[in-house]
PDB file of all heavy atoms in Angstrom:
ATOM      1  N   ARG A   1       0.658 -19.590  -8.888  1.00  0.00           N
ATOM      2  CA  ARG A   1       0.890 -18.228  -9.341  1.00  0.00           C
ATOM      3  C   ARG A   1       0.109 -17.219  -8.496  1.00  0.00           C
ATOM      4  O   ARG A   1       0.593 -16.117  -8.229  1.00  0.00           O
ATOM      5  CB  ARG A   1       0.533 -18.100 -10.820  1.00  0.00           C
ATOM      6  CG  ARG A   1       1.504 -18.841 -11.740  1.00  0.00           C
ATOM      7  CD  ARG A   1       1.241 -18.510 -13.202  1.00  0.00           C
ATOM      8  NE  ARG A   1       1.350 -17.075 -13.428  1.00  0.00           N
ATOM      9  CZ  ARG A   1       2.493 -16.420 -13.609  1.00  0.00           C
ATOM     10  NH1 ARG A   1       3.642 -17.082 -13.577  1.00  0.00           N
ATOM     11  NH2 ARG A   1       2.494 -15.123 -13.834  1.00  0.00           N
ATOM     12  N   MET A   2      -1.092 -17.579  -8.073  1.00  0.00           N
ATOM     13  CA  MET A   2      -1.857 -16.672  -7.213  1.00  0.00           C
ATOM     14  C   MET A   2      -1.126 -16.443  -5.887  1.00  0.00           C
ATOM     15  O   MET A   2      -1.034 -15.317  -5.401  1.00  0.00           O
ATOM     16  CB  MET A   2      -3.249 -17.250  -6.951  1.00  0.00           C
ATOM     17  CG  MET A   2      -4.191 -17.194  -8.149  1.00  0.00           C
ATOM     18  SD  MET A   2      -5.800 -17.933  -7.779  1.00  0.00           S
ATOM     19  CE  MET A   2      -6.450 -16.716  -6.625  1.00  0.00           C
ATOM     20  N   ALA A   3      -0.608 -17.527  -5.321  1.00  0.00           N
ATOM     21  CA  ALA A   3       0.144 -17.394  -4.075  1.00  0.00           C
ATOM     22  C   ALA A   3       1.386 -16.539  -4.285  1.00  0.00           C
ATOM     23  O   ALA A   3       1.721 -15.683  -3.450  1.00  0.00           O
ATOM     24  CB  ALA A   3       0.526 -18.780  -3.557  1.00  0.00           C
ATOM     25  N   ALA A   4       2.075 -16.754  -5.412  1.00  0.00           N
ATOM     26  CA  ALA A   4       3.290 -15.986  -5.692  1.00  0.00           C
ATOM     27  C   ALA A   4       2.984 -14.507  -5.891  1.00  0.00           C
ATOM     28  O   ALA A   4       3.695 -13.628  -5.376  1.00  0.00           O
ATOM     29  CB  ALA A   4       3.984 -16.558  -6.928  1.00  0.00           C
ATOM     30  N   ASN A   5       1.923 -14.193  -6.643  1.00  0.00           N
ATOM     31  CA  ASN A   5       1.565 -12.795  -6.878  1.00  0.00           C
ATOM     32  C   ASN A   5       1.149 -12.101  -5.588  1.00  0.00           C
ATOM     33  O   ASN A   5       1.514 -10.946  -5.332  1.00  0.00           O
ATOM     34  CB  ASN A   5       0.430 -12.704  -7.905  1.00  0.00           C
ATOM     35  CG  ASN A   5       0.896 -13.044  -9.313  1.00  0.00           C
ATOM     36  OD1 ASN A   5       2.041 -12.808  -9.664  1.00  0.00           O
ATOM     37  ND2 ASN A   5       0.019 -13.612 -10.116  1.00  0.00           N
ATOM     38  N   THR A   6       0.378 -12.812  -4.760  1.00  0.00           N
ATOM     39  CA  THR A   6      -0.035 -12.238  -3.479  1.00  0.00           C
ATOM     40  C   THR A   6       1.181 -11.946  -2.609  1.00  0.00           C
ATOM     41  O   THR A   6       1.277 -10.884  -1.971  1.00  0.00           O
ATOM     42  CB  THR A   6      -0.986 -13.191  -2.741  1.00  0.00           C
ATOM     43  OG1 THR A   6      -2.133 -13.444  -3.563  1.00  0.00           O
ATOM     44  CG2 THR A   6      -1.436 -12.599  -1.420  1.00  0.00           C
ATOM     45  N   ALA A   7       2.116 -12.893  -2.580  1.00  0.00           N
ATOM     46  CA  ALA A   7       3.317 -12.720  -1.765  1.00  0.00           C
ATOM     47  C   ALA A   7       4.150 -11.547  -2.280  1.00  0.00           C
ATOM     48  O   ALA A   7       4.698 -10.762  -1.484  1.00  0.00           O
ATOM     49  CB  ALA A   7       4.148 -13.994  -1.769  1.00  0.00           C
ATOM     50  N   SER A   8       4.257 -11.405  -3.594  1.00  0.00           N
ATOM     51  CA  SER A   8       5.052 -10.314  -4.157  1.00  0.00           C
ATOM     52  C   SER A   8       4.447  -8.955  -3.824  1.00  0.00           C
ATOM     53  O   SER A   8       5.163  -8.005  -3.466  1.00  0.00           O
ATOM     54  CB  SER A   8       5.166 -10.479  -5.675  1.00  0.00           C
ATOM     55  OG  SER A   8       5.867 -11.659  -5.995  1.00  0.00           O
ATOM     56  N   ILE A   9       3.118  -8.855  -3.935  1.00  0.00           N
ATOM     57  CA  ILE A   9       2.449  -7.595  -3.604  1.00  0.00           C
ATOM     58  C   ILE A   9       2.659  -7.261  -2.130  1.00  0.00           C
ATOM     59  O   ILE A   9       3.012  -6.135  -1.765  1.00  0.00           O
ATOM     60  CB  ILE A   9       0.941  -7.697  -3.912  1.00  0.00           C
ATOM     61  CG1 ILE A   9       0.710  -7.865  -5.412  1.00  0.00           C
ATOM     62  CG2 ILE A   9       0.208  -6.456  -3.416  1.00  0.00           C
ATOM     63  CD1 ILE A   9      -0.715  -8.220  -5.769  1.00  0.00           C
ATOM     64  N   THR A  10       2.430  -8.254  -1.272  1.00  0.00           N
ATOM     65  CA  THR A  10       2.594  -8.042   0.168  1.00  0.00           C
ATOM     66  C   THR A  10       4.030  -7.675   0.512  1.00  0.00           C
ATOM     67  O   THR A  10       4.283  -6.783   1.341  1.00  0.00           O
ATOM     68  CB  THR A  10       2.184  -9.307   0.938  1.00  0.00           C
ATOM     69  OG1 THR A  10       0.867  -9.683   0.562  1.00  0.00           O
ATOM     70  CG2 THR A  10       2.248  -9.087   2.440  1.00  0.00           C
ATOM     71  N   GLY A  11       4.986  -8.349  -0.133  1.00  0.00           N
ATOM     72  CA  GLY A  11       6.385  -8.067   0.125  1.00  0.00           C
ATOM     73  C   GLY A  11       6.788  -6.666  -0.266  1.00  0.00           C
ATOM     74  O   GLY A  11       7.543  -5.995   0.454  1.00  0.00           O
ATOM     75  N   THR A  12       6.271  -6.190  -1.414  1.00  0.00           N
ATOM     76  CA  THR A  12       6.591  -4.833  -1.847  1.00  0.00           C
ATOM     77  C   THR A  12       6.063  -3.804  -0.856  1.00  0.00           C
ATOM     78  O   THR A  12       6.761  -2.845  -0.482  1.00  0.00           O
ATOM     79  CB  THR A  12       6.006  -4.575  -3.242  1.00  0.00           C
ATOM     80  OG1 THR A  12       6.548  -5.535  -4.167  1.00  0.00           O
ATOM     81  CG2 THR A  12       6.333  -3.178  -3.727  1.00  0.00           C
ATOM     82  N   ALA A  13       4.805  -4.002  -0.420  1.00  0.00           N
ATOM     83  CA  ALA A  13       4.227  -3.079   0.562  1.00  0.00           C
ATOM     84  C   ALA A  13       4.989  -3.137   1.883  1.00  0.00           C
ATOM     85  O   ALA A  13       5.288  -2.105   2.502  1.00  0.00           O
ATOM     86  CB  ALA A  13       2.755  -3.419   0.785  1.00  0.00           C
ATOM     87  N   LEU A  14       5.329  -4.346   2.318  1.00  0.00           N
ATOM     88  CA  LEU A  14       6.081  -4.507   3.562  1.00  0.00           C
ATOM     89  C   LEU A  14       7.457  -3.873   3.458  1.00  0.00           C
ATOM     90  O   LEU A  14       7.953  -3.252   4.411  1.00  0.00           O
ATOM     91  CB  LEU A  14       6.208  -5.998   3.894  1.00  0.00           C
ATOM     92  CG  LEU A  14       6.987  -6.372   5.161  1.00  0.00           C
ATOM     93  CD1 LEU A  14       6.314  -5.771   6.391  1.00  0.00           C
ATOM     94  CD2 LEU A  14       7.102  -7.883   5.289  1.00  0.00           C
ATOM     95  N   GLY A  15       8.082  -4.009   2.297  1.00  0.00           N
ATOM     96  CA  GLY A  15       9.390  -3.397   2.091  1.00  0.00           C
ATOM     97  C   GLY A  15       9.358  -1.901   2.260  1.00  0.00           C
ATOM     98  O   GLY A  15      10.241  -1.302   2.895  1.00  0.00           O
ATOM     99  N   GLY A  16       8.331  -1.264   1.699  1.00  0.00           N
ATOM    100  CA  GLY A  16       8.202   0.179   1.848  1.00  0.00           C
ATOM    101  C   GLY A  16       8.048   0.594   3.299  1.00  0.00           C
ATOM    102  O   GLY A  16       8.669   1.570   3.757  1.00  0.00           O
ATOM    103  N   MET A  17       7.248  -0.158   4.041  1.00  0.00           N
ATOM    104  CA  MET A  17       7.048   0.182   5.458  1.00  0.00           C
ATOM    105  C   MET A  17       8.317  -0.027   6.280  1.00  0.00           C
ATOM    106  O   MET A  17       8.659   0.779   7.144  1.00  0.00           O
ATOM    107  CB  MET A  17       5.896  -0.658   6.028  1.00  0.00           C
ATOM    108  CG  MET A  17       4.524  -0.277   5.471  1.00  0.00           C
ATOM    109  SD  MET A  17       3.161  -1.146   6.305  1.00  0.00           S
ATOM    110  CE  MET A  17       3.406  -2.821   5.719  1.00  0.00           C
ATOM    111  N   LEU A  18       9.041  -1.123   5.992  1.00  0.00           N
ATOM    112  CA  LEU A  18      10.264  -1.399   6.744  1.00  0.00           C
ATOM    113  C   LEU A  18      11.344  -0.362   6.469  1.00  0.00           C
ATOM    114  O   LEU A  18      12.017   0.119   7.388  1.00  0.00           O
ATOM    115  CB  LEU A  18      10.780  -2.800   6.406  1.00  0.00           C
ATOM    116  CG  LEU A  18       9.975  -3.983   6.972  1.00  0.00           C
ATOM    117  CD1 LEU A  18      10.479  -5.295   6.385  1.00  0.00           C
ATOM    118  CD2 LEU A  18      10.091  -4.006   8.494  1.00  0.00           C
ATOM    119  N   VAL A  19      11.517  -0.030   5.192  1.00  0.00           N
ATOM    120  CA  VAL A  19      12.542   0.952   4.836  1.00  0.00           C
ATOM    121  C   VAL A  19      12.232   2.301   5.470  1.00  0.00           C
ATOM    122  O   VAL A  19      13.115   2.981   6.009  1.00  0.00           O
ATOM    123  CB  VAL A  19      12.646   1.074   3.301  1.00  0.00           C
ATOM    124  CG1 VAL A  19      13.485   2.290   2.913  1.00  0.00           C
ATOM    125  CG2 VAL A  19      13.256  -0.191   2.712  1.00  0.00           C
ATOM    126  N   ALA A  20      10.956   2.700   5.432  1.00  0.00           N
ATOM    127  CA  ALA A  20      10.577   3.996   6.002  1.00  0.00           C
ATOM    128  C   ALA A  20      10.593   3.974   7.526  1.00  0.00           C
ATOM    129  O   ALA A  20      10.950   4.970   8.164  1.00  0.00           O
ATOM    130  CB  ALA A  20       9.180   4.389   5.506  1.00  0.00           C
ATOM    131  N   GLY A  21      10.231   2.828   8.108  1.00  0.00           N
ATOM    132  CA  GLY A  21      10.085   2.770   9.558  1.00  0.00           C
ATOM    133  C   GLY A  21      11.352   2.440  10.320  1.00  0.00           C
ATOM    134  O   GLY A  21      11.677   3.110  11.314  1.00  0.00           O
ATOM    135  N   VAL A  22      12.079   1.391   9.891  1.00  0.00           N
ATOM    136  CA  VAL A  22      13.246   0.946  10.664  1.00  0.00           C
ATOM    137  C   VAL A  22      14.533   0.899   9.847  1.00  0.00           C
ATOM    138  O   VAL A  22      15.597   0.586  10.387  1.00  0.00           O
ATOM    139  CB  VAL A  22      12.985  -0.448  11.292  1.00  0.00           C
ATOM    140  CG1 VAL A  22      11.876  -0.368  12.311  1.00  0.00           C
ATOM    141  CG2 VAL A  22      12.650  -1.478  10.209  1.00  0.00           C
ATOM    142  N   GLY A  23      14.471   1.183   8.551  1.00  0.00           N
ATOM    143  CA  GLY A  23      15.679   1.238   7.741  1.00  0.00           C
ATOM    144  C   GLY A  23      15.839   0.036   6.831  1.00  0.00           C
ATOM    145  O   GLY A  23      15.270  -1.036   7.080  1.00  0.00           O
ATOM    146  N   PRO A  24      16.616   0.195   5.758  1.00  0.00           N
ATOM    147  CA  PRO A  24      16.764  -0.876   4.767  1.00  0.00           C
ATOM    148  C   PRO A  24      17.442  -2.119   5.301  1.00  0.00           C
ATOM    149  O   PRO A  24      17.194  -3.223   4.825  1.00  0.00           O
ATOM    150  CB  PRO A  24      17.603  -0.216   3.663  1.00  0.00           C
ATOM    151  CG  PRO A  24      18.286   0.943   4.313  1.00  0.00           C
ATOM    152  CD  PRO A  24      17.350   1.412   5.365  1.00  0.00           C
ATOM    153  N   GLY A  25      18.325  -1.983   6.297  1.00  0.00           N
ATOM    154  CA  GLY A  25      19.014  -3.159   6.827  1.00  0.00           C
ATOM    155  C   GLY A  25      18.063  -4.194   7.376  1.00  0.00           C
ATOM    156  O   GLY A  25      18.228  -5.400   7.160  1.00  0.00           O
ATOM    157  N   TRP A  26      17.018  -3.743   8.090  1.00  0.00           N
ATOM    158  CA  TRP A  26      16.054  -4.682   8.654  1.00  0.00           C
ATOM    159  C   TRP A  26      15.170  -5.296   7.575  1.00  0.00           C
ATOM    160  O   TRP A  26      14.669  -6.415   7.728  1.00  0.00           O
ATOM    161  CB  TRP A  26      15.218  -3.992   9.727  1.00  0.00           C
ATOM    162  CG  TRP A  26      16.035  -3.707  10.947  1.00  0.00           C
ATOM    163  CD1 TRP A  26      16.521  -2.501  11.359  1.00  0.00           C
ATOM    164  CD2 TRP A  26      16.498  -4.670  11.894  1.00  0.00           C
ATOM    165  NE1 TRP A  26      17.275  -2.643  12.501  1.00  0.00           N
ATOM    166  CE2 TRP A  26      17.267  -3.963  12.863  1.00  0.00           C
ATOM    167  CE3 TRP A  26      16.348  -6.046  12.025  1.00  0.00           C
ATOM    168  CZ2 TRP A  26      17.875  -4.601  13.930  1.00  0.00           C
ATOM    169  CZ3 TRP A  26      16.960  -6.678  13.100  1.00  0.00           C
ATOM    170  CH2 TRP A  26      17.702  -5.966  14.037  1.00  0.00           C
ATOM    171  N   GLY A  27      14.978  -4.590   6.481  1.00  0.00           N
ATOM    172  CA  GLY A  27      14.281  -5.195   5.350  1.00  0.00           C
ATOM    173  C   GLY A  27      15.060  -6.374   4.794  1.00  0.00           C
ATOM    174  O   GLY A  27      14.488  -7.411   4.425  1.00  0.00           O
TER     175      GLY A  27
END
Protein backbone atom coordinates (compact mmCIF):
# COMPACT_ATOMS: atom_id res chain seq x y z
CA ARG A 1 0.00 0.00 0.00
CA MET A 2 2.88 2.40 0.68
CA ALA A 3 4.27 1.73 -2.79
CA ALA A 4 0.81 2.19 -4.32
CA ASN A 5 0.15 5.47 -2.48
CA THR A 6 3.56 6.84 -3.41
CA ALA A 7 3.00 5.91 -7.05
CA SER A 8 -0.45 7.52 -7.08
CA ILE A 9 0.85 10.78 -5.61
CA THR A 10 3.76 10.87 -8.05
CA GLY A 11 1.48 10.03 -10.97
CA THR A 12 -0.95 12.83 -10.13
CA ALA A 13 1.87 15.37 -9.94
CA LEU A 14 3.41 14.04 -13.15
CA GLY A 15 0.05 14.19 -14.88
CA GLY A 16 -0.31 17.87 -14.08
CA MET A 17 3.14 18.64 -15.45
CA LEU A 18 2.60 16.62 -18.63
CA VAL A 19 -0.80 18.13 -19.38
CA ALA A 20 0.52 21.66 -18.81
CA GLY A 21 3.83 21.09 -20.57
CA VAL A 22 3.25 18.82 -23.57
CA GLY A 23 -0.51 18.16 -23.65
CA PRO A 24 -2.91 15.45 -22.47
CA GLY A 25 -2.11 13.07 -25.33
CA TRP A 26 1.42 12.49 -24.07
CA GLY A 27 0.08 11.89 -20.58
